[in-house]
Protein backbone atom coordinates (compact mmCIF):
# COMPACT_ATOMS: atom_id res chain seq x y z
CA MET A 1 8.42 -19.50 37.12
CA HIS A 2 5.97 -16.34 36.91
CA THR A 3 5.04 -14.35 33.87
CA ILE A 4 4.22 -10.92 33.68
CA LEU A 5 1.84 -10.36 30.58
CA PRO A 6 2.43 -6.99 28.93
CA PRO A 7 -0.32 -4.61 28.13
CA ALA A 8 1.09 -3.55 24.95
CA PRO A 9 3.89 -5.06 22.30
CA ALA A 10 6.30 -6.69 24.24
CA SER A 11 10.49 -6.41 24.19
CA CYS A 12 12.32 -8.79 26.50
CA ARG A 13 15.46 -9.09 28.42
CA ALA A 14 17.34 -11.99 29.73
CA ARG A 15 20.01 -11.39 32.08
CA LYS A 16 21.24 -15.02 33.09
CA PRO A 17 20.86 -18.03 30.78
CA ARG A 18 19.70 -20.12 34.09
CA THR A 19 16.51 -17.96 33.97
CA LEU A 20 15.75 -15.60 31.18
CA HIS A 21 13.87 -12.32 32.27
CA ALA A 22 12.61 -10.04 29.40
CA LEU A 23 11.49 -6.44 28.74
CA ALA A 24 8.22 -6.04 27.39
CA ALA A 25 8.29 -2.70 25.80
CA TRP A 26 5.76 -0.28 24.51
CA ALA A 27 6.28 1.08 20.78
CA LEU A 28 6.95 4.47 20.22
CA LEU A 29 6.83 4.05 16.87
CA ALA A 30 4.11 1.37 16.58
CA SER A 31 1.84 3.75 13.95
CA ILE A 32 4.67 3.47 11.46
CA LEU A 33 3.25 1.84 8.62
CA LEU A 34 6.10 -0.06 6.33
CA GLY A 35 6.19 -1.58 3.07
CA SER A 36 7.05 -5.45 2.87
CA LEU A 37 9.51 -7.03 0.73
CA PRO A 38 9.40 -10.43 -0.09
CA ALA A 39 10.49 -12.81 2.44
CA GLN A 40 11.16 -16.80 2.76
CA ALA A 41 8.53 -18.76 4.85
CA SER A 42 11.08 -19.97 7.02
CA GLN A 43 12.45 -16.53 8.19
CA LEU A 44 11.09 -15.52 11.47
CA ALA A 45 11.54 -11.65 11.18
CA ASP A 46 11.87 -9.00 8.95
CA VAL A 47 14.29 -6.05 9.99
CA GLN A 48 13.63 -2.29 8.61
CA ILE A 49 15.77 0.54 9.64
CA ILE A 50 13.62 3.77 9.98
CA ASP A 51 14.48 7.48 9.63
CA ARG A 52 12.54 8.65 12.73
CA SER A 53 12.54 12.63 11.23
CA SER A 54 10.66 11.28 8.18
CA GLY A 55 8.93 7.98 9.29
CA GLN A 56 9.87 6.52 6.25
CA ARG A 57 12.27 3.02 5.92
CA LEU A 58 15.99 3.75 4.47
CA PRO A 59 16.02 2.13 1.05
CA LEU A 60 18.01 -1.32 1.13
CA TYR A 61 20.99 -2.02 -1.24
CA TYR A 62 22.53 -5.48 -1.72
CA HIS A 63 25.86 -5.79 -2.56
CA GLN A 64 28.32 -8.82 -2.66
CA GLY A 65 26.57 -10.98 -0.27
CA GLU A 66 25.41 -7.98 2.13
CA TYR A 67 22.71 -5.64 2.85
CA TRP A 68 23.49 -2.07 3.30
CA VAL A 69 21.67 1.38 4.06
CA ALA A 70 22.98 4.82 3.75
CA GLY A 71 22.78 6.83 6.93
CA GLN A 72 22.50 10.80 6.73
CA PRO A 73 24.87 12.11 9.78
CA GLY A 74 23.20 13.32 12.60
CA SER A 75 19.33 11.85 11.59
CA SER A 76 18.46 9.37 14.30
CA TYR A 77 16.82 6.18 13.09
CA ALA A 78 14.80 3.07 14.86
CA VAL A 79 15.64 -0.41 13.98
CA ASP A 80 12.01 -2.22 13.35
CA ILE A 81 11.44 -5.80 14.16
CA ASN A 82 8.34 -7.63 12.89
CA ASN A 83 7.80 -11.04 13.98
CA ARG A 84 6.19 -13.20 11.31
CA SER A 85 5.77 -16.27 13.25
CA ARG A 86 2.92 -18.01 15.10
CA GLY A 87 4.68 -17.72 18.16
CA ARG A 88 6.81 -15.56 20.66
CA ILE A 89 10.24 -14.85 19.41
CA LEU A 90 13.44 -13.15 21.32
CA ALA A 91 15.27 -10.76 19.37
CA VAL A 92 18.76 -9.73 20.62
CA LEU A 93 19.64 -6.43 18.86
CA SER A 94 23.42 -5.73 18.53
CA ILE A 95 24.57 -1.95 17.23
CA ASP A 96 28.14 -1.69 16.09
CA GLY A 97 28.76 -4.94 18.23
CA ILE A 98 27.34 -3.91 21.00
CA ASN A 99 23.95 -5.02 22.79
CA ALA A 100 21.53 -2.61 22.77
CA ILE A 101 19.94 -3.28 26.32
CA SER A 102 22.95 -4.41 28.30
CA GLY A 103 25.94 -2.00 26.81
CA GLN A 104 28.30 -5.20 26.99
CA ALA A 105 29.74 -6.83 23.55
CA ALA A 106 26.91 -8.61 21.91
CA ALA A 107 26.94 -12.06 21.53
CA ALA A 108 24.53 -14.36 19.26
CA VAL A 109 23.27 -16.25 22.55
CA PRO A 110 19.72 -15.93 24.12
CA ASP A 111 20.41 -13.26 26.71
CA ASP A 112 19.36 -9.28 27.19
CA GLY A 113 17.10 -8.81 23.99
CA TYR A 114 13.46 -8.11 23.09
CA VAL A 115 10.12 -10.27 23.06
CA LEU A 116 7.73 -10.17 20.36
CA GLY A 117 4.52 -11.63 20.36
CA SER A 118 3.20 -13.68 17.22
CA GLY A 119 2.52 -10.75 13.95
CA GLN A 120 3.78 -7.91 16.44
CA GLN A 121 6.07 -5.08 15.27
CA TRP A 122 8.20 -2.82 17.40
CA ALA A 123 10.50 -0.09 16.48
CA ILE A 124 13.54 -0.19 18.80
CA ALA A 125 14.41 3.70 18.95
CA GLY A 126 17.70 3.32 21.18
CA TRP A 127 20.12 2.45 23.68
CA ARG A 128 18.12 1.24 26.83
CA LYS A 129 19.21 3.35 29.85
CA SER A 130 16.12 1.87 32.23
CA GLU A 131 12.92 0.24 32.07
CA GLN A 132 11.44 3.54 31.57
CA GLN A 133 14.04 5.22 28.83
CA VAL A 134 16.34 5.13 26.23
CA ALA A 135 19.06 7.22 24.16
CA ALA A 136 18.04 7.79 21.05
CA PHE A 137 20.09 6.11 18.05
CA TYR A 138 21.43 8.43 15.56
CA PHE A 139 24.11 8.46 12.88
CA SER A 140 27.25 9.80 13.81
CA HIS A 141 30.55 9.94 12.44
CA SER A 142 32.65 6.92 13.56
CA GLU A 143 35.00 8.77 16.49
CA ASP A 144 31.60 9.99 18.17
CA ALA A 145 29.58 6.66 17.95
CA TYR A 146 29.35 5.39 21.12
CA ALA A 147 31.31 2.02 20.38
CA ALA A 148 34.07 4.33 19.67
CA ARG A 149 33.80 6.39 22.83
CA THR A 150 33.75 3.14 25.11
CA GLY A 151 36.83 2.00 23.34
CA ARG A 152 35.00 -0.61 21.21
CA PRO A 153 35.52 0.71 17.34
CA ARG A 154 36.27 -2.66 15.76
CA ASP A 155 32.84 -3.56 14.60
CA ILE A 156 31.11 0.19 14.08
CA GLY A 157 28.87 0.16 10.77
CA VAL A 158 26.76 -2.86 11.45
CA ILE A 159 23.40 -3.59 13.05
CA GLY A 160 22.68 -7.31 13.82
CA VAL A 161 19.55 -9.11 15.09
CA ALA A 162 19.79 -12.83 16.51
CA VAL A 163 16.09 -14.30 16.76
CA PHE A 164 15.36 -17.41 18.73
CA ARG A 165 12.24 -19.43 18.86
CA GLU A 166 10.75 -20.06 22.28
CA ARG A 167 10.48 -23.37 23.98
CA ALA A 168 7.13 -25.18 23.66
CA PRO A 169 5.49 -25.81 26.88
CA LEU A 170 6.15 -28.86 28.91
CA PRO A 171 2.91 -31.51 28.16
CA GLN A 172 1.03 -32.51 31.56
CA PRO A 173 0.83 -35.76 32.68
CA PRO A 174 -2.29 -37.87 32.44
CA ILE A 175 -4.66 -37.78 35.27
CA ALA A 176 -5.20 -41.16 37.22
CA ARG A 177 -8.73 -42.80 37.33
CA ASN A 178 -8.58 -43.66 40.98
CA SER A 179 -6.61 -42.96 44.02
CA ALA A 180 -5.04 -46.44 43.75
CA ALA A 181 -3.52 -45.39 40.59
CA GLN A 182 -2.60 -41.94 41.29
CA LYS A 183 -0.84 -43.10 44.60
CA SER A 184 1.29 -45.60 42.66
CA THR A 185 1.95 -43.20 39.45
CA ALA A 186 2.38 -39.98 41.22
CA PRO A 187 6.22 -40.23 42.03
CA ALA A 188 7.44 -41.16 38.85
CA ALA A 189 4.91 -38.14 37.17
CA GLU A 190 6.71 -35.61 39.70
CA ALA A 191 10.22 -37.11 38.93
CA SER A 192 9.36 -36.72 35.20
CA ILE A 193 8.30 -33.10 35.30
CA ALA A 194 11.23 -32.03 37.60
CA ASP A 195 13.67 -33.76 35.13
CA SER A 196 12.17 -31.62 32.10
CA ALA A 197 11.55 -28.35 33.80
CA ALA A 198 14.98 -27.55 33.53
CA PRO A 199 15.77 -25.03 31.25
CA ALA A 200 18.27 -25.63 28.01
CA MET A 201 21.83 -24.27 29.06
CA PRO A 202 23.54 -22.30 26.40
CA SER A 203 26.50 -24.42 24.99
CA ALA A 204 30.00 -22.89 25.32
CA SER A 205 30.61 -22.99 21.66
CA VAL A 206 27.82 -21.85 19.43
CA GLN A 207 28.66 -22.72 15.77
CA PRO A 208 25.99 -21.56 13.38
CA PRO A 209 25.50 -23.47 10.20
CA THR A 210 26.92 -22.68 6.85
CA ALA A 211 24.65 -22.86 4.16
CA ALA A 212 24.55 -20.12 2.00
CA PRO A 213 21.93 -16.82 2.26
CA ALA A 214 19.00 -16.43 0.28
CA ALA A 215 19.30 -14.57 -3.36
CA SER A 216 16.06 -12.66 -2.90
CA ALA A 217 15.10 -9.21 -2.09
CA ALA A 218 14.09 -10.15 1.63
CA LEU A 219 15.39 -7.95 4.53
CA SER A 220 16.55 -10.38 6.32
CA ALA A 221 19.91 -13.05 5.82
CA SER A 222 20.09 -16.34 7.76
CA ALA A 223 22.59 -17.58 10.21
CA ALA A 224 24.48 -19.25 7.94
CA ALA A 225 25.21 -16.56 5.89
CA GLU A 226 26.71 -14.75 8.87
CA SER A 227 28.98 -17.75 9.49
CA ARG A 228 30.14 -17.56 5.77
CA GLN A 229 30.30 -13.51 5.67
CA ALA A 230 32.39 -13.80 9.12
CA SER A 231 34.83 -16.69 7.97
CA ALA A 232 35.55 -14.80 4.54
CA PRO A 233 35.02 -11.11 4.73
CA ALA A 234 35.11 -9.18 1.49
CA ALA A 235 37.79 -6.27 1.42
CA ALA A 236 35.84 -2.89 1.07
CA PRO A 237 37.65 -0.10 -0.74
CA THR A 238 38.60 2.87 1.47
CA PRO A 239 35.72 5.13 2.03
CA VAL A 240 35.95 9.06 0.73
CA ALA A 241 34.91 10.59 4.55
CA PRO A 242 34.96 9.31 7.69
CA ARG A 243 32.59 6.13 8.34
CA LEU A 244 29.69 6.36 10.17
CA GLY A 245 28.70 4.88 13.68
CA THR A 246 25.68 5.23 16.10
CA GLY A 247 25.56 7.60 18.67
CA HIS A 248 24.38 7.76 22.09
CA GLY A 249 21.70 10.34 21.73
CA ALA A 250 19.07 12.38 23.94
CA LEU A 251 16.91 10.21 26.38
CA GLU A 252 13.41 9.45 25.63
CA ARG A 253 10.59 7.91 27.14
CA SER A 254 10.34 3.92 26.40
CA ALA A 255 8.22 2.10 28.78
CA THR A 256 8.97 -1.34 29.32
CA ARG A 257 7.57 -4.37 31.42
CA THR A 258 9.45 -7.57 32.18
CA THR A 259 8.30 -11.34 31.42
CA GLU A 260 9.70 -14.59 31.18
CA PHE A 261 11.34 -16.42 27.71
CA HIS A 262 12.92 -19.70 27.66
CA SER A 263 14.45 -20.13 24.26
CA ALA A 264 14.22 -23.44 22.33
CA SER A 265 17.65 -23.44 21.65
CA SER A 266 21.03 -22.13 22.83
CA SER A 267 21.97 -20.64 19.11
CA PRO A 268 19.83 -18.39 16.80
CA ALA A 269 17.24 -19.58 14.41
CA GLN A 270 17.77 -16.63 12.26
CA ILE A 271 20.60 -13.76 11.87
CA ILE A 272 19.62 -10.49 10.50
CA ARG A 273 22.57 -8.63 9.36
CA ILE A 274 22.65 -4.70 7.92
CA ARG A 275 25.52 -2.93 7.40
CA TYR A 276 25.41 1.08 7.04
CA ASP A 277 27.52 3.71 6.30
CA SER A 278 27.30 7.25 4.31
CA TYR A 279 25.60 7.81 0.96
CA ALA A 280 28.64 8.94 -0.40
CA ASN A 281 30.96 6.26 1.29
CA LEU A 282 28.34 3.81 -0.50
CA VAL A 283 28.92 5.37 -3.50
CA ALA A 284 32.51 5.36 -3.59
CA GLN A 285 32.77 1.77 -2.51
CA GLY A 286 30.09 0.51 -5.16
CA VAL A 287 27.26 -0.35 -2.91
CA ILE A 288 25.41 2.33 -4.82
CA ARG A 289 25.62 3.09 -8.16
CA ALA A 290 26.45 6.83 -8.76
CA PRO A 291 23.61 8.66 -10.45
CA GLN A 292 24.25 9.66 -13.95
CA PRO A 293 24.08 13.15 -15.10
CA ALA A 294 20.95 14.11 -16.99
CA VAL A 295 22.06 14.20 -20.73
CA GLN A 296 20.86 17.87 -22.18
CA PRO A 297 20.07 17.80 -25.80
CA ALA A 298 22.59 19.53 -28.03
CA PRO A 299 21.50 23.15 -29.38
CA ARG A 300 20.14 23.42 -32.44
CA PRO A 301 21.43 26.14 -34.95
CA PHE A 302 18.16 26.10 -36.75
CA PRO A 303 15.41 25.22 -34.59
CA ALA A 304 12.75 26.72 -36.88
CA SER A 305 12.15 27.62 -40.57
CA PRO A 306 12.57 31.46 -41.44
CA SER A 307 9.52 33.69 -40.53
CA GLY A 308 10.44 37.13 -42.21
CA TYR A 309 12.65 39.65 -40.06
CA VAL A 310 13.79 40.03 -36.37
CA PRO A 311 11.11 40.84 -34.54
CA ASP A 312 11.43 43.72 -31.43
CA PRO A 313 12.14 41.93 -28.01
CA PRO A 314 9.45 42.33 -25.18
CA ALA A 315 9.81 45.92 -23.72
CA TYR A 316 11.46 45.99 -20.27
């Protein structure tokens, strides 16, 4: 296989499990500086949701085992992914249950996604339309969301990132000391290379582990949390207004290049799940505690001691 090295932060897409091709992207929002929250050493990536109009990350709320953000209808946003590992990762981005690159139903397998080098941070700002353009993500009412308009409203209101480690390079065979030894060992070495060079095929059924999610302020939930939440979803109260989804916004430039990526496993090493809705709906559901009105001090009938007679008021 060949590799195209990108001149800037990389994003990756892989069309087929046999040969994983990837998009290497130039970050439009790479200049955004984000505050970081504590994270476990085992986590490969952190995720922030960025309000693009202000450049600020949206506050994260933790409620009943899930992370939430409050979106403003009509506001554009980006999903900022930060690779915390020492190697490259593949991040498969799902918006409302749809793969943000292919537009197909998202699956937690090493397919179309973004590749980030060690320590790289990439703000993904829209649905990928080509190697040069995306259609901006923005918070819309659920009936106007891209998922609803394409007949897939079931999973509106959730952002997911499945993270995969890259497979380690194959070891090189030893070099023979003389021609006789080289002739005798060459066939065996070639056979060994041929047997080991084939990329691992994803299994037909991916079963994530079942450990509990980390109880910390980190932005990432493990693949175990995804499995646990999927098997026993919590019933959410009825929102007070239409739910938020993600719309298909205006086209904007987002240049990419391709590279190859071979996943170390067919199942993700980490799954990050962030749900979202309007501020009013999150208050109604108990995710956000409603602000209490300021207590006004009681009026005093005698705020001061007597000081003579009533003075004239100021002149009008």
